[in-house]
Amino acid sequence: MVGRTGNLTKPGKTDYFIWAFLTIVGITTLYPFLNVLFVSFANMKDIVENNGMLLYPKSIHLDSYRYVIRYSGLLHAYGVTIFITVVGTLINLIMTSLGAYVLSNRDLPGRNGMMMIVLIAMLYSGGLIPSYLVVRSLHLVDTVWALILPSAINAWLLILMRNFFQGVPTELRESARIDGCSELGIMFRIMLPLSLPIIATLALFYGVGHWNEYINVIIYINNPDLSTLQLILRKMYTFSIDQLSGDSLPPPVETIRAATIMMSALPIVLVYPFLQKYFVQGLMVGSVKG
């Protein structure tokens, strides 16, 4: 611990209590994920003997992952989901940045009215039937764009980014205008390079949303070739032992379900550590600036 004079001080009893409490919370939070990971590598004997609660991997078996990878349509669904996640997140960031930059201008005529519309859109949705009618009228049904364009801007994330932009000193904009820079130039040359934390925050929120796309696939997509990863994994997770196919004895259902969960969650889990620093900073700064 660091005292007021800058010297290291001996940790007190309260510090040890806080460390112990946070350690317990961390283990409690992390264990369910680790248990699913251990089960995905286990066999039926290990699962039965430990009632499905493994503290460490008893054995390493890759049969469940082999079965999941060979499942019909899984790799194609991975490609569809990756396309939706990458392209959708890029469109989200562009549209949200443009809207947030405009609304961050305090001298914009009608700014309060626009913000009221955004707040109403955040609190109330148009409903399932009107949303479907709009998507159908735009001829987006049975296309990947039905999973991208209707959710191009999230109202809450728009407000979050607008608050971050408002925290940037206005003198930077004014000096750029004096030098003859356009509004787009100010945004792309000044505002966005200073906004890496909030961009990482929004990219994580939007990316996770696209990666977990499920409900809109059921509503707007009828073509099985456009099924996303979550839809395929949902079918795999809900099957029974009678639905398992193959000439040889398949892996235990519990391990297959654990493997499907890991196949779905692992990509996001691997991406998050690289964005964590910017995510925390962007979330805090963007939420306290008025």
Protein backbone atom coordinates (compact mmCIF):
# COMPACT_ATOMS: atom_id res chain seq x y z
CA MET A 1 0.00 0.00 0.00
CA VAL A 2 1.15 3.59 -0.65
CA GLY A 3 0.80 6.21 2.09
CA ARG A 4 0.23 9.94 1.69
CA THR A 5 3.98 10.55 1.70
CA GLY A 6 4.47 8.13 -1.19
CA ASN A 7 6.15 5.46 0.98
CA LEU A 8 5.02 1.86 1.07
CA THR A 9 3.02 1.02 4.17
CA LYS A 10 2.30 -2.37 5.67
CA PRO A 11 -1.10 -3.76 4.62
CA GLY A 12 -3.66 -3.67 7.40
CA LYS A 13 -6.26 -6.22 8.43
CA THR A 14 -8.83 -4.52 6.25
CA ASP A 15 -6.62 -4.98 3.18
CA TYR A 16 -6.24 -8.70 3.86
CA PHE A 17 -9.99 -9.01 4.27
CA ILE A 18 -10.61 -7.21 0.96
CA TRP A 19 -8.07 -9.41 -0.82
CA ALA A 20 -9.61 -12.58 0.60
CA PHE A 21 -13.12 -11.44 -0.31
CA LEU A 22 -12.12 -10.53 -3.88
CA THR A 23 -10.29 -13.86 -4.24
CA ILE A 24 -13.42 -15.77 -3.23
CA VAL A 25 -15.56 -13.70 -5.61
CA GLY A 26 -13.08 -14.28 -8.43
CA ILE A 27 -13.01 -18.03 -7.89
CA THR A 28 -16.81 -18.17 -7.64
CA THR A 29 -17.12 -16.25 -10.89
CA LEU A 30 -14.46 -18.22 -12.77
CA TYR A 31 -15.30 -21.75 -11.63
CA PRO A 32 -18.50 -22.28 -13.70
CA PHE A 33 -16.55 -21.51 -16.87
CA LEU A 34 -13.68 -23.80 -15.84
CA ASN A 35 -16.11 -26.56 -14.90
CA VAL A 36 -17.68 -26.46 -18.38
CA LEU A 37 -14.18 -26.55 -19.87
CA PHE A 38 -13.18 -29.57 -17.76
CA VAL A 39 -16.42 -31.41 -18.56
CA SER A 40 -15.89 -30.87 -22.30
CA PHE A 41 -12.66 -32.89 -22.04
CA ALA A 42 -14.00 -35.54 -19.63
CA ASN A 43 -15.52 -38.96 -20.18
CA MET A 44 -18.71 -40.37 -18.67
CA LYS A 45 -16.84 -42.11 -15.84
CA ASP A 46 -15.32 -38.81 -14.62
CA ILE A 47 -18.66 -37.01 -14.85
CA VAL A 48 -20.60 -39.67 -12.92
CA GLU A 49 -17.97 -40.05 -10.18
CA ASN A 50 -17.86 -36.28 -9.55
CA ASN A 51 -21.57 -35.53 -10.14
CA GLY A 52 -20.62 -33.21 -12.99
CA MET A 53 -18.51 -30.92 -10.76
CA LEU A 54 -14.86 -31.20 -11.76
CA LEU A 55 -12.25 -29.22 -9.82
CA TYR A 56 -9.57 -30.10 -12.36
CA PRO A 57 -9.45 -32.11 -15.61
CA LYS A 58 -9.47 -35.79 -14.66
CA SER A 59 -8.57 -36.82 -18.21
CA ILE A 60 -8.24 -35.27 -21.65
CA HIS A 61 -10.54 -36.53 -24.40
CA LEU A 62 -11.18 -34.62 -27.66
CA ASP A 63 -14.03 -36.81 -28.93
CA SER A 64 -16.68 -34.20 -28.11
CA TYR A 65 -14.87 -31.47 -30.03
CA ARG A 66 -14.38 -33.77 -33.00
CA TYR A 67 -18.09 -34.55 -32.97
CA VAL A 68 -19.05 -30.87 -32.72
CA ILE A 69 -16.74 -29.83 -35.55
CA ARG A 70 -18.12 -32.59 -37.80
CA TYR A 71 -21.70 -31.52 -37.08
CA SER A 72 -23.54 -30.61 -40.30
CA GLY A 73 -23.48 -26.90 -41.09
CA LEU A 74 -21.36 -25.83 -38.12
CA LEU A 75 -18.35 -24.52 -40.04
CA HIS A 76 -20.60 -22.70 -42.51
CA ALA A 77 -22.51 -21.16 -39.60
CA TYR A 78 -19.17 -20.04 -38.15
CA GLY A 79 -18.46 -18.21 -41.40
CA VAL A 80 -21.86 -16.52 -41.40
CA THR A 81 -21.45 -15.44 -37.77
CA ILE A 82 -17.94 -14.10 -38.36
CA PHE A 83 -19.19 -12.08 -41.35
CA ILE A 84 -22.10 -10.66 -39.35
CA THR A 85 -19.85 -9.85 -36.40
CA VAL A 86 -17.07 -8.14 -38.38
CA VAL A 87 -19.19 -6.26 -40.93
CA GLY A 88 -21.97 -5.50 -38.47
CA THR A 89 -19.61 -4.14 -35.83
CA LEU A 90 -17.86 -1.97 -38.42
CA ILE A 91 -21.18 -0.51 -39.58
CA ASN A 92 -22.24 -0.02 -35.94
CA LEU A 93 -19.07 1.91 -35.12
CA ILE A 94 -19.35 4.14 -38.19
CA MET A 95 -23.01 4.99 -37.70
CA THR A 96 -22.75 5.43 -33.94
CA SER A 97 -19.65 7.63 -34.27
CA LEU A 98 -21.33 9.89 -36.81
CA GLY A 99 -24.47 10.26 -34.70
CA ALA A 100 -22.54 10.79 -31.46
CA TYR A 101 -20.31 13.45 -33.01
CA VAL A 102 -23.30 15.43 -34.27
CA LEU A 103 -25.13 15.22 -30.95
CA SER A 104 -22.01 16.20 -29.00
CA ASN A 105 -22.07 19.65 -30.61
CA ARG A 106 -23.69 21.87 -27.98
CA ASP A 107 -24.48 24.57 -30.58
CA LEU A 108 -26.45 22.22 -32.83
CA PRO A 109 -29.98 23.58 -33.49
CA GLY A 110 -32.64 21.16 -32.26
CA ARG A 111 -30.09 19.11 -30.32
CA ASN A 112 -32.36 18.64 -27.30
CA GLY A 113 -35.21 17.42 -29.49
CA MET A 114 -32.93 14.90 -31.19
CA MET A 115 -31.71 13.66 -27.83
CA MET A 116 -35.32 13.23 -26.69
CA ILE A 117 -35.99 11.05 -29.75
CA VAL A 118 -32.92 8.95 -28.93
CA LEU A 119 -34.04 8.54 -25.32
CA ILE A 120 -37.53 7.49 -26.41
CA ALA A 121 -36.01 4.94 -28.82
CA MET A 122 -33.88 3.61 -25.97
CA LEU A 123 -36.83 3.19 -23.60
CA TYR A 124 -39.53 2.03 -26.04
CA SER A 125 -39.23 -0.26 -29.05
CA GLY A 126 -41.53 -0.26 -32.05
CA GLY A 127 -42.61 -3.84 -31.40
CA LEU A 128 -41.99 -7.12 -33.16
CA ILE A 129 -44.66 -6.84 -35.87
CA PRO A 130 -43.82 -3.26 -36.99
CA SER A 131 -40.12 -4.16 -37.01
CA TYR A 132 -40.77 -7.20 -39.18
CA LEU A 133 -42.94 -5.19 -41.57
CA VAL A 134 -40.18 -2.61 -41.97
CA VAL A 135 -37.55 -5.27 -42.63
CA ARG A 136 -39.82 -7.00 -45.14
CA SER A 137 -40.65 -3.75 -46.94
CA LEU A 138 -36.92 -3.16 -47.38
CA HIS A 139 -36.58 -6.68 -48.89
CA LEU A 140 -34.11 -7.72 -46.21
CA VAL A 141 -35.87 -10.92 -45.11
CA ASP A 142 -33.69 -13.99 -45.71
CA THR A 143 -30.53 -11.89 -46.07
CA VAL A 144 -27.69 -11.32 -43.63
CA TRP A 145 -28.46 -7.59 -43.77
CA ALA A 146 -31.63 -8.23 -41.77
CA LEU A 147 -29.29 -9.12 -38.89
CA ILE A 148 -27.09 -6.02 -39.35
CA LEU A 149 -28.90 -2.93 -40.62
CA PRO A 150 -31.94 -2.81 -38.25
CA SER A 151 -29.55 -2.67 -35.29
CA ALA A 152 -27.02 -0.31 -36.86
CA ILE A 153 -27.25 2.09 -33.90
CA ASN A 154 -27.88 1.23 -30.26
CA ALA A 155 -29.39 4.24 -28.48
CA TRP A 156 -27.62 3.64 -25.17
CA LEU A 157 -24.22 3.20 -26.84
CA LEU A 158 -24.89 6.32 -28.91
CA ILE A 159 -25.40 8.30 -25.70
CA LEU A 160 -22.30 6.72 -24.19
CA MET A 161 -20.14 7.81 -27.12
CA ARG A 162 -21.73 11.26 -27.24
CA ASN A 163 -20.80 11.74 -23.57
CA PHE A 164 -17.24 10.74 -24.33
CA PHE A 165 -17.02 13.21 -27.23
CA GLN A 166 -18.34 15.95 -24.99
CA GLY A 167 -15.45 15.30 -22.62
CA VAL A 168 -12.95 16.22 -25.34
CA PRO A 169 -11.98 19.93 -24.98
CA THR A 170 -13.97 22.10 -27.38
CA GLU A 171 -10.82 24.16 -28.03
CA LEU A 172 -9.55 21.31 -30.21
CA ARG A 173 -12.55 21.60 -32.51
CA GLU A 174 -12.41 25.38 -32.62
CA SER A 175 -8.72 25.46 -33.48
CA ALA A 176 -9.26 22.88 -36.23
CA ARG A 177 -12.10 24.94 -37.71
CA ILE A 178 -9.88 28.02 -37.70
CA ASP A 179 -7.28 26.03 -39.65
CA GLY A 180 -9.95 25.22 -42.25
CA CYS A 181 -10.68 21.62 -41.26
CA SER A 182 -14.14 20.30 -42.15
CA GLU A 183 -16.42 18.59 -39.66
CA LEU A 184 -15.60 15.16 -41.09
CA GLY A 185 -11.92 16.05 -40.90
CA ILE A 186 -12.30 17.06 -37.25
CA MET A 187 -14.05 13.81 -36.48
CA PHE A 188 -11.66 11.43 -38.26
CA ARG A 189 -8.40 13.31 -37.60
CA ILE A 190 -8.99 14.57 -34.06
CA MET A 191 -11.96 13.01 -32.29
CA LEU A 192 -11.62 9.35 -33.27
CA PRO A 193 -7.86 9.08 -32.60
CA LEU A 194 -8.58 10.40 -29.09
CA SER A 195 -11.49 8.00 -28.62
CA LEU A 196 -9.80 4.61 -28.66
CA PRO A 197 -11.20 3.64 -25.20
CA ILE A 198 -14.83 4.31 -26.14
CA ILE A 199 -14.38 2.72 -29.58
CA ALA A 200 -13.05 -0.45 -27.94
CA THR A 201 -15.99 -0.39 -25.52
CA LEU A 202 -18.54 -0.08 -28.30
CA ALA A 203 -16.77 -2.69 -30.44
CA LEU A 204 -16.99 -5.18 -27.59
CA PHE A 205 -20.68 -4.49 -26.93
CA TYR A 206 -21.64 -4.61 -30.60
CA GLY A 207 -19.38 -7.57 -31.38
CA VAL A 208 -20.78 -9.70 -28.56
CA GLY A 209 -24.31 -8.81 -29.64
CA HIS A 210 -23.68 -9.92 -33.22
CA TRP A 211 -21.81 -13.04 -32.14
CA ASN A 212 -24.75 -14.10 -29.95
CA GLU A 213 -27.35 -13.34 -32.65
CA TYR A 214 -30.22 -15.78 -32.21
CA ILE A 215 -33.69 -14.24 -31.90
CA ASN A 216 -33.47 -12.16 -35.10
CA VAL A 217 -32.28 -15.23 -37.00
CA ILE A 218 -35.45 -17.05 -36.01
CA ILE A 219 -37.60 -14.05 -36.98
CA TYR A 220 -36.03 -12.94 -40.27
CA ILE A 221 -34.14 -15.95 -41.64
CA ASN A 222 -35.77 -18.97 -43.27
CA ASN A 223 -32.83 -20.09 -45.39
CA PRO A 224 -30.82 -22.75 -43.48
CA ASP A 225 -27.65 -21.61 -45.30
CA LEU A 226 -27.86 -18.35 -43.34
CA SER A 227 -28.10 -20.00 -39.92
CA THR A 228 -25.76 -18.46 -37.39
CA LEU A 229 -23.49 -20.26 -34.96
CA GLN A 230 -25.82 -19.74 -32.02
CA LEU A 231 -28.75 -21.33 -33.87
CA ILE A 232 -26.72 -24.40 -34.81
CA LEU A 233 -25.29 -24.73 -31.30
CA ARG A 234 -28.76 -24.37 -29.82
CA LYS A 235 -29.93 -27.32 -31.92
CA MET A 236 -26.92 -29.32 -30.81
CA TYR A 237 -27.36 -28.40 -27.15
CA THR A 238 -31.02 -29.44 -26.99
CA PHE A 239 -30.67 -32.81 -28.66
CA SER A 240 -31.03 -36.10 -26.80
CA ILE A 241 -29.01 -39.29 -26.95
CA ASP A 242 -31.51 -40.74 -29.44
CA GLN A 243 -30.63 -38.00 -31.92
CA LEU A 244 -26.92 -38.74 -31.95
CA SER A 245 -25.85 -40.25 -35.24
CA GLY A 246 -22.85 -42.24 -36.36
CA ASP A 247 -21.66 -45.80 -36.67
CA SER A 248 -19.50 -45.69 -33.54
CA LEU A 249 -20.61 -44.91 -30.01
CA PRO A 250 -20.87 -41.09 -29.71
CA PRO A 251 -19.38 -39.09 -26.83
CA PRO A 252 -21.53 -38.46 -23.74
CA VAL A 253 -24.25 -35.87 -24.26
CA GLU A 254 -22.94 -33.81 -21.30
CA THR A 255 -19.50 -33.47 -22.87
CA ILE A 256 -20.98 -32.58 -26.26
CA ARG A 257 -23.09 -29.84 -24.68
CA ALA A 258 -20.05 -28.52 -22.80
CA ALA A 259 -18.04 -28.53 -26.02
CA THR A 260 -20.75 -26.57 -27.85
CA ILE A 261 -20.70 -23.94 -25.10
CA MET A 262 -16.92 -23.63 -25.32
CA MET A 263 -17.04 -23.38 -29.13
CA SER A 264 -19.48 -20.50 -28.77
CA ALA A 265 -17.87 -18.59 -25.90
CA LEU A 266 -14.16 -19.11 -26.48
CA PRO A 267 -13.66 -16.58 -29.34
CA ILE A 268 -15.15 -13.74 -27.28
CA VAL A 269 -13.23 -14.83 -24.18
CA LEU A 270 -9.99 -14.67 -26.17
CA VAL A 271 -10.76 -11.21 -27.57
CA TYR A 272 -11.80 -9.58 -24.30
CA PRO A 273 -8.34 -9.45 -22.59
CA PHE A 274 -7.00 -7.32 -25.45
CA LEU A 275 -9.85 -4.81 -25.02
CA GLN A 276 -10.21 -4.91 -21.23
CA LYS A 277 -8.00 -1.88 -20.50
CA TYR A 278 -9.78 0.32 -23.04
CA PHE A 279 -13.17 -1.19 -22.17
CA VAL A 280 -13.03 -0.19 -18.49
CA GLN A 281 -11.66 3.26 -19.25
CA GLY A 282 -14.17 3.98 -22.00
CA LEU A 283 -17.12 2.72 -19.98
CA MET A 284 -16.28 4.84 -16.94
CA VAL A 285 -15.40 8.03 -18.80
CA GLY A 286 -18.32 7.77 -21.16
CA SER A 287 -20.78 7.26 -18.32
CA VAL A 288 -19.80 10.17 -16.05
CA LYS A 289 -19.42 12.96 -18.59
CA GLY A 290 -22.63 14.95 -18.92
